Amino acid sequence: RSSAASDVYKRQVSTQSTGFEFCWLCRGAWKDHGQHTGGFYSCNKYEQSTAKKDDDDAARLRAEVERYLHYYNRYHNYHSDVVNSSEKKLREAREKVNLFRADSSSKRHGVNPEFIIKAVEIEIECRKVLKYTYILAYFLNNDPKRAFFEFCQANVEGITERLADLNRTPINSLNDDELKNRVKVTEQYLHSMVKVMEEISTNQLSEDNLRKTF
């Protein structure tokens, strides 16, 4: 089939059961198409057709479903990590504490190793908060306040992953001071994120400024 013939074929669809031929763009009867509708290679009836409205509605719904899945998947990923990995992370942290106490080096002599467990607890808390940020973000309108919210969210995500990297470091390779400092910085970011969420929940979550869905 030539390119031109193929183009006509694509615009002319026939149902096998009834033999009814129609334009796949405007979905109107193919017999009503010709030079007066733009020729057989285009359809100027489409823009004013109910098919155009149906296609626009379908595209809007598809975009909204994709947007919903974007936020749901991120919520679910954080939720799954908290549910499935928290105990394992805490158990590994307690094992590190025991190794830390068994370390006879002068730099760790007399040092309280509980900061190792606190670091993991802060990581877990960050993931708990982050999962709820995606619920909140889903309903926010596109405005400067939303942009600031997402900026804070991205900062917490980044600082959480950097803390997680340190939490995975073997005890004999761990820089104790770096981990302690990272815990302090992460706590500050976490508290700022919670404050932003509280302000939005208190002052902005009304029917007028929530994003309309479906």
C-alpha atoms as a PDB file:
ATOM      1  CA  ARG A   1       0.000   0.000   0.000  1.00  0.00           C
ATOM      2  CA  SER A   2       1.460   3.410  -0.993  1.00  0.00           C
ATOM      3  CA  SER A   3       1.959   6.130   1.602  1.00  0.00           C
ATOM      4  CA  ALA A   4      -0.954   8.151   0.233  1.00  0.00           C
ATOM      5  CA  ALA A   5      -3.229   5.125   0.130  1.00  0.00           C
ATOM      6  CA  SER A   6      -2.159   4.144   3.612  1.00  0.00           C
ATOM      7  CA  ASP A   7      -3.078   7.610   4.891  1.00  0.00           C
ATOM      8  CA  VAL A   8      -6.549   7.340   3.396  1.00  0.00           C
ATOM      9  CA  TYR A   9      -6.920   3.867   4.847  1.00  0.00           C
ATOM     10  CA  LYS A  10      -6.009   5.131   8.314  1.00  0.00           C
ATOM     11  CA  ARG A  11      -8.716   7.756   8.091  1.00  0.00           C
ATOM     12  CA  GLN A  12     -11.321   5.293   6.832  1.00  0.00           C
ATOM     13  CA  VAL A  13     -12.233   2.535   9.263  1.00  0.00           C
ATOM     14  CA  SER A  14     -14.808  -0.125   8.608  1.00  0.00           C
ATOM     15  CA  THR A  15     -16.516  -2.308  11.204  1.00  0.00           C
ATOM     16  CA  GLN A  16     -16.592  -5.882   9.991  1.00  0.00           C
ATOM     17  CA  SER A  17     -19.926  -6.692  11.594  1.00  0.00           C
ATOM     18  CA  THR A  18     -21.949  -3.880   9.966  1.00  0.00           C
ATOM     19  CA  GLY A  19     -19.784  -2.693   7.111  1.00  0.00           C
ATOM     20  CA  PHE A  20     -20.200   0.872   8.331  1.00  0.00           C
ATOM     21  CA  GLU A  21     -17.280   2.988   7.200  1.00  0.00           C
ATOM     22  CA  PHE A  22     -16.263   6.025   9.212  1.00  0.00           C
ATOM     23  CA  CYS A  23     -13.482   8.548   9.631  1.00  0.00           C
ATOM     24  CA  TRP A  24     -11.249   7.612  12.535  1.00  0.00           C
ATOM     25  CA  LEU A  25     -10.711  11.296  13.369  1.00  0.00           C
ATOM     26  CA  CYS A  26     -14.222  12.725  13.635  1.00  0.00           C
ATOM     27  CA  ARG A  27     -15.918   9.287  13.696  1.00  0.00           C
ATOM     28  CA  GLY A  28     -18.422  10.542  11.158  1.00  0.00           C
ATOM     29  CA  ALA A  29     -19.675   8.502   8.212  1.00  0.00           C
ATOM     30  CA  TRP A  30     -16.986   8.131   5.563  1.00  0.00           C
ATOM     31  CA  LYS A  31     -19.534   8.789   2.809  1.00  0.00           C
ATOM     32  CA  ASP A  32     -19.844  12.354   4.111  1.00  0.00           C
ATOM     33  CA  HIS A  33     -16.134  13.007   3.541  1.00  0.00           C
ATOM     34  CA  GLY A  34     -14.542  14.325   0.412  1.00  0.00           C
ATOM     35  CA  GLN A  35     -13.075  17.520  -1.008  1.00  0.00           C
ATOM     36  CA  HIS A  36     -15.532  19.592   1.023  1.00  0.00           C
ATOM     37  CA  THR A  37     -14.110  18.191   4.285  1.00  0.00           C
ATOM     38  CA  GLY A  38     -10.502  18.872   3.340  1.00  0.00           C
ATOM     39  CA  GLY A  39      -9.985  15.996   0.978  1.00  0.00           C
ATOM     40  CA  PHE A  40      -9.299  12.373   1.770  1.00  0.00           C
ATOM     41  CA  TYR A  41      -6.000  13.207   3.468  1.00  0.00           C
ATOM     42  CA  SER A  42      -7.398  15.443   6.219  1.00  0.00           C
ATOM     43  CA  CYS A  43     -10.630  16.089   8.116  1.00  0.00           C
ATOM     44  CA  ASN A  44     -11.727  19.641   8.845  1.00  0.00           C
ATOM     45  CA  LYS A  45     -14.832  18.364  10.619  1.00  0.00           C
ATOM     46  CA  TYR A  46     -12.802  17.031  13.526  1.00  0.00           C
ATOM     47  CA  GLU A  47     -12.205  20.304  15.405  1.00  0.00           C
ATOM     48  CA  GLN A  48     -15.951  20.920  15.727  1.00  0.00           C
ATOM     49  CA  SER A  49     -16.957  17.309  16.287  1.00  0.00           C
ATOM     50  CA  THR A  50     -18.053  15.533  19.444  1.00  0.00           C
ATOM     51  CA  ALA A  51     -15.135  13.187  18.768  1.00  0.00           C
ATOM     52  CA  LYS A  52     -12.731  16.089  19.444  1.00  0.00           C
ATOM     53  CA  LYS A  53     -14.410  16.728  22.789  1.00  0.00           C
ATOM     54  CA  ASP A  54     -14.318  13.009  23.611  1.00  0.00           C
ATOM     55  CA  ASP A  55     -10.618  12.844  22.732  1.00  0.00           C
ATOM     56  CA  ASP A  56      -9.834  15.916  24.839  1.00  0.00           C
ATOM     57  CA  ASP A  57     -11.741  14.460  27.794  1.00  0.00           C
ATOM     58  CA  ALA A  58      -9.924  11.134  27.421  1.00  0.00           C
ATOM     59  CA  ALA A  59      -6.547  12.887  27.253  1.00  0.00           C
ATOM     60  CA  ARG A  60      -7.358  14.914  30.364  1.00  0.00           C
ATOM     61  CA  LEU A  61      -8.403  11.821  32.281  1.00  0.00           C
ATOM     62  CA  ARG A  62      -5.332   9.913  31.100  1.00  0.00           C
ATOM     63  CA  ALA A  63      -3.083  12.764  32.264  1.00  0.00           C
ATOM     64  CA  GLU A  64      -4.847  12.869  35.629  1.00  0.00           C
ATOM     65  CA  VAL A  65      -4.477   9.105  36.085  1.00  0.00           C
ATOM     66  CA  GLU A  66      -0.779   9.336  35.228  1.00  0.00           C
ATOM     67  CA  ARG A  67      -0.404  12.197  37.689  1.00  0.00           C
ATOM     68  CA  TYR A  68      -2.188  10.214  40.389  1.00  0.00           C
ATOM     69  CA  LEU A  69       0.061   7.207  39.783  1.00  0.00           C
ATOM     70  CA  HIS A  70       3.141   9.428  39.992  1.00  0.00           C
ATOM     71  CA  TYR A  71       2.245  10.532  43.521  1.00  0.00           C
ATOM     72  CA  TYR A  72       0.800   7.200  44.613  1.00  0.00           C
ATOM     73  CA  ASN A  73       3.903   5.260  43.546  1.00  0.00           C
ATOM     74  CA  ARG A  74       6.164   7.565  45.508  1.00  0.00           C
ATOM     75  CA  TYR A  75       3.918   7.358  48.551  1.00  0.00           C
ATOM     76  CA  HIS A  76       3.827   3.569  48.236  1.00  0.00           C
ATOM     77  CA  ASN A  77       7.595   3.276  47.819  1.00  0.00           C
ATOM     78  CA  TYR A  78       8.245   5.177  51.040  1.00  0.00           C
ATOM     79  CA  HIS A  79       5.482   3.303  52.852  1.00  0.00           C
ATOM     80  CA  SER A  80       6.863  -0.070  51.746  1.00  0.00           C
ATOM     81  CA  ASP A  81      10.370   0.890  52.798  1.00  0.00           C
ATOM     82  CA  VAL A  82       9.184   1.918  56.272  1.00  0.00           C
ATOM     83  CA  VAL A  83       7.062  -1.218  56.731  1.00  0.00           C
ATOM     84  CA  ASN A  84       9.493  -3.741  55.289  1.00  0.00           C
ATOM     85  CA  SER A  85      12.926  -2.354  56.150  1.00  0.00           C
ATOM     86  CA  SER A  86      12.707  -0.427  59.426  1.00  0.00           C
ATOM     87  CA  GLU A  87      13.233  -3.375  61.767  1.00  0.00           C
ATOM     88  CA  LYS A  88      16.117  -4.679  59.684  1.00  0.00           C
ATOM     89  CA  LYS A  89      17.802  -1.271  59.718  1.00  0.00           C
ATOM     90  CA  LEU A  90      17.386  -0.937  63.475  1.00  0.00           C
ATOM     91  CA  ARG A  91      18.703  -4.460  64.040  1.00  0.00           C
ATOM     92  CA  GLU A  92      21.775  -3.696  61.957  1.00  0.00           C
ATOM     93  CA  ALA A  93      22.256  -0.436  63.860  1.00  0.00           C
ATOM     94  CA  ARG A  94      22.192  -2.308  67.191  1.00  0.00           C
ATOM     95  CA  GLU A  95      24.790  -4.735  65.829  1.00  0.00           C
ATOM     96  CA  LYS A  96      26.964  -1.764  64.878  1.00  0.00           C
ATOM     97  CA  VAL A  97      26.614  -0.390  68.387  1.00  0.00           C
ATOM     98  CA  ASN A  98      27.953  -3.665  69.792  1.00  0.00           C
ATOM     99  CA  LEU A  99      30.890  -3.554  67.382  1.00  0.00           C
ATOM    100  CA  PHE A 100      31.482   0.077  68.286  1.00  0.00           C
ATOM    101  CA  ARG A 101      31.664  -0.785  71.986  1.00  0.00           C
ATOM    102  CA  ALA A 102      34.058  -3.607  71.225  1.00  0.00           C
ATOM    103  CA  ASP A 103      36.356  -1.231  69.365  1.00  0.00           C
ATOM    104  CA  SER A 104      39.403  -0.640  71.539  1.00  0.00           C
ATOM    105  CA  SER A 105      40.781   2.262  69.510  1.00  0.00           C
ATOM    106  CA  SER A 106      41.460   5.474  71.411  1.00  0.00           C
ATOM    107  CA  LYS A 107      39.198   7.596  69.188  1.00  0.00           C
ATOM    108  CA  ARG A 108      36.115   5.645  70.309  1.00  0.00           C
ATOM    109  CA  HIS A 109      37.077   5.047  73.904  1.00  0.00           C
ATOM    110  CA  GLY A 110      34.347   6.395  76.210  1.00  0.00           C
ATOM    111  CA  VAL A 111      32.171   7.584  73.313  1.00  0.00           C
ATOM    112  CA  ASN A 112      28.446   6.844  73.525  1.00  0.00           C
ATOM    113  CA  PRO A 113      27.533   4.932  70.336  1.00  0.00           C
ATOM    114  CA  GLU A 114      23.785   5.593  70.609  1.00  0.00           C
ATOM    115  CA  PHE A 115      24.101   8.183  67.814  1.00  0.00           C
ATOM    116  CA  ILE A 116      24.263   5.216  65.427  1.00  0.00           C
ATOM    117  CA  ILE A 117      20.762   4.110  66.402  1.00  0.00           C
ATOM    118  CA  LYS A 118      19.493   7.698  66.401  1.00  0.00           C
ATOM    119  CA  ALA A 119      20.743   8.133  62.838  1.00  0.00           C
ATOM    120  CA  VAL A 120      18.640   5.190  61.669  1.00  0.00           C
ATOM    121  CA  GLU A 121      15.624   6.398  63.641  1.00  0.00           C
ATOM    122  CA  ILE A 122      15.883   9.810  61.968  1.00  0.00           C
ATOM    123  CA  GLU A 123      16.149   8.174  58.541  1.00  0.00           C
ATOM    124  CA  ILE A 124      12.989   6.157  59.221  1.00  0.00           C
ATOM    125  CA  GLU A 125      11.162   9.232  60.503  1.00  0.00           C
ATOM    126  CA  CYS A 126      12.124  11.146  57.372  1.00  0.00           C
ATOM    127  CA  ARG A 127      10.682   8.415  55.169  1.00  0.00           C
ATOM    128  CA  LYS A 128       7.463   8.410  57.196  1.00  0.00           C
ATOM    129  CA  VAL A 129       7.094  12.154  56.708  1.00  0.00           C
ATOM    130  CA  LEU A 130       8.079  12.039  53.036  1.00  0.00           C
ATOM    131  CA  LYS A 131       5.371   9.533  52.184  1.00  0.00           C
ATOM    132  CA  TYR A 132       2.750  11.974  53.457  1.00  0.00           C
ATOM    133  CA  THR A 133       4.281  14.872  51.546  1.00  0.00           C
ATOM    134  CA  TYR A 134       3.187  13.138  48.347  1.00  0.00           C
ATOM    135  CA  ILE A 135      -0.414  12.942  49.529  1.00  0.00           C
ATOM    136  CA  LEU A 136      -0.358  16.647  50.312  1.00  0.00           C
ATOM    137  CA  ALA A 137       1.423  17.577  47.088  1.00  0.00           C
ATOM    138  CA  TYR A 138      -1.165  15.726  45.001  1.00  0.00           C
ATOM    139  CA  PHE A 139      -3.915  18.061  46.162  1.00  0.00           C
ATOM    140  CA  LEU A 140      -2.027  21.353  45.981  1.00  0.00           C
ATOM    141  CA  ASN A 141      -2.600  23.817  43.165  1.00  0.00           C
ATOM    142  CA  ASN A 142       0.223  24.925  40.912  1.00  0.00           C
ATOM    143  CA  ASP A 143       1.347  28.175  42.549  1.00  0.00           C
ATOM    144  CA  PRO A 144       4.455  29.627  44.254  1.00  0.00           C
ATOM    145  CA  LYS A 145       3.522  28.007  47.582  1.00  0.00           C
ATOM    146  CA  ARG A 146       3.452  24.616  45.901  1.00  0.00           C
ATOM    147  CA  ALA A 147       6.840  25.317  44.329  1.00  0.00           C
ATOM    148  CA  PHE A 148       8.277  26.122  47.767  1.00  0.00           C
ATOM    149  CA  PHE A 149       6.711  22.985  49.199  1.00  0.00           C
ATOM    150  CA  GLU A 150       8.282  20.817  46.500  1.00  0.00           C
ATOM    151  CA  PHE A 151      11.615  22.576  47.022  1.00  0.00           C
ATOM    152  CA  CYS A 152      11.540  21.620  50.712  1.00  0.00           C
ATOM    153  CA  GLN A 153      10.397  18.113  49.822  1.00  0.00           C
ATOM    154  CA  ALA A 154      13.298  17.624  47.411  1.00  0.00           C
ATOM    155  CA  ASN A 155      15.763  18.884  50.038  1.00  0.00           C
ATOM    156  CA  VAL A 156      14.503  16.388  52.605  1.00  0.00           C
ATOM    157  CA  GLU A 157      14.656  13.571  50.072  1.00  0.00           C
ATOM    158  CA  GLY A 158      18.248  14.410  49.218  1.00  0.00           C
ATOM    159  CA  ILE A 159      19.409  14.776  52.820  1.00  0.00           C
ATOM    160  CA  THR A 160      17.620  11.542  53.773  1.00  0.00           C
ATOM    161  CA  GLU A 161      19.427   9.569  51.103  1.00  0.00           C
ATOM    162  CA  ARG A 162      22.769  11.018  52.168  1.00  0.00           C
ATOM    163  CA  LEU A 163      22.046   9.974  55.748  1.00  0.00           C
ATOM    164  CA  ALA A 164      21.001   6.524  54.531  1.00  0.00           C
ATOM    165  CA  ASP A 165      24.329   6.169  52.718  1.00  0.00           C
ATOM    166  CA  LEU A 166      26.178   6.826  55.968  1.00  0.00           C
ATOM    167  CA  ASN A 167      23.910   4.430  57.842  1.00  0.00           C
ATOM    168  CA  ARG A 168      24.938   1.698  55.419  1.00  0.00           C
ATOM    169  CA  THR A 169      28.639   2.349  55.971  1.00  0.00           C
ATOM    170  CA  PRO A 170      30.439  -0.503  57.771  1.00  0.00           C
ATOM    171  CA  ILE A 171      31.425   0.367  61.326  1.00  0.00           C
ATOM    172  CA  ASN A 172      35.169   0.096  60.615  1.00  0.00           C
ATOM    173  CA  SER A 173      34.821   2.640  57.773  1.00  0.00           C
ATOM    174  CA  LEU A 174      32.374   4.980  59.515  1.00  0.00           C
ATOM    175  CA  ASN A 175      33.346   8.578  60.179  1.00  0.00           C
ATOM    176  CA  ASP A 176      31.663   9.119  63.546  1.00  0.00           C
ATOM    177  CA  ASP A 177      31.743  12.921  63.463  1.00  0.00           C
ATOM    178  CA  GLU A 178      30.366  13.011  59.931  1.00  0.00           C
ATOM    179  CA  LEU A 179      27.418  10.840  60.952  1.00  0.00           C
ATOM    180  CA  LYS A 180      26.715  12.957  64.042  1.00  0.00           C
ATOM    181  CA  ASN A 181      26.753  16.145  61.974  1.00  0.00           C
ATOM    182  CA  ARG A 182      24.581  14.554  59.311  1.00  0.00           C
ATOM    183  CA  VAL A 183      22.008  13.611  61.947  1.00  0.00           C
ATOM    184  CA  LYS A 184      21.835  17.221  63.170  1.00  0.00           C
ATOM    185  CA  VAL A 185      21.441  18.629  59.654  1.00  0.00           C
ATOM    186  CA  THR A 186      18.826  16.037  58.734  1.00  0.00           C
ATOM    187  CA  GLU A 187      16.806  16.815  61.856  1.00  0.00           C
ATOM    188  CA  GLN A 188      16.781  20.501  60.911  1.00  0.00           C
ATOM    189  CA  TYR A 189      15.542  19.747  57.405  1.00  0.00           C
ATOM    190  CA  LEU A 190      12.930  17.347  58.761  1.00  0.00           C
ATOM    191  CA  HIS A 191      11.592  19.840  61.301  1.00  0.00           C
ATOM    192  CA  SER A 192      11.397  22.527  58.592  1.00  0.00           C
ATOM    193  CA  MET A 193       9.453  20.176  56.329  1.00  0.00           C
ATOM    194  CA  VAL A 194       6.996  19.307  59.090  1.00  0.00           C
ATOM    195  CA  LYS A 195       6.517  23.008  59.823  1.00  0.00           C
ATOM    196  CA  VAL A 196       5.749  23.739  56.165  1.00  0.00           C
ATOM    197  CA  MET A 197       3.261  20.864  56.072  1.00  0.00           C
ATOM    198  CA  GLU A 198       1.557  22.123  59.222  1.00  0.00           C
ATOM    199  CA  GLU A 199       1.280  25.642  57.822  1.00  0.00           C
ATOM    200  CA  ILE A 200      -0.219  24.372  54.581  1.00  0.00           C
ATOM    201  CA  SER A 201      -2.630  22.090  56.424  1.00  0.00           C
ATOM    202  CA  THR A 202      -3.730  24.929  58.704  1.00  0.00           C
ATOM    203  CA  ASN A 203      -3.892  27.853  56.296  1.00  0.00           C
ATOM    204  CA  GLN A 204      -4.244  26.564  52.755  1.00  0.00           C
ATOM    205  CA  LEU A 205      -6.237  23.339  52.684  1.00  0.00           C
ATOM    206  CA  SER A 206      -9.599  24.717  51.693  1.00  0.00           C
ATOM    207  CA  GLU A 207     -11.923  23.839  48.856  1.00  0.00           C
ATOM    208  CA  ASP A 208     -10.855  26.954  46.941  1.00  0.00           C
ATOM    209  CA  ASN A 209      -7.122  26.261  46.830  1.00  0.00           C
ATOM    210  CA  LEU A 210      -7.103  22.498  46.588  1.00  0.00           C
ATOM    211  CA  ARG A 211      -6.444  21.119  43.144  1.00  0.00           C
ATOM    212  CA  LYS A 212      -9.592  19.779  41.542  1.00  0.00           C
ATOM    213  CA  THR A 213      -9.299  16.147  40.515  1.00  0.00           C
ATOM    214  CA  PHE A 214     -11.516  14.147  38.192  1.00  0.00           C
END
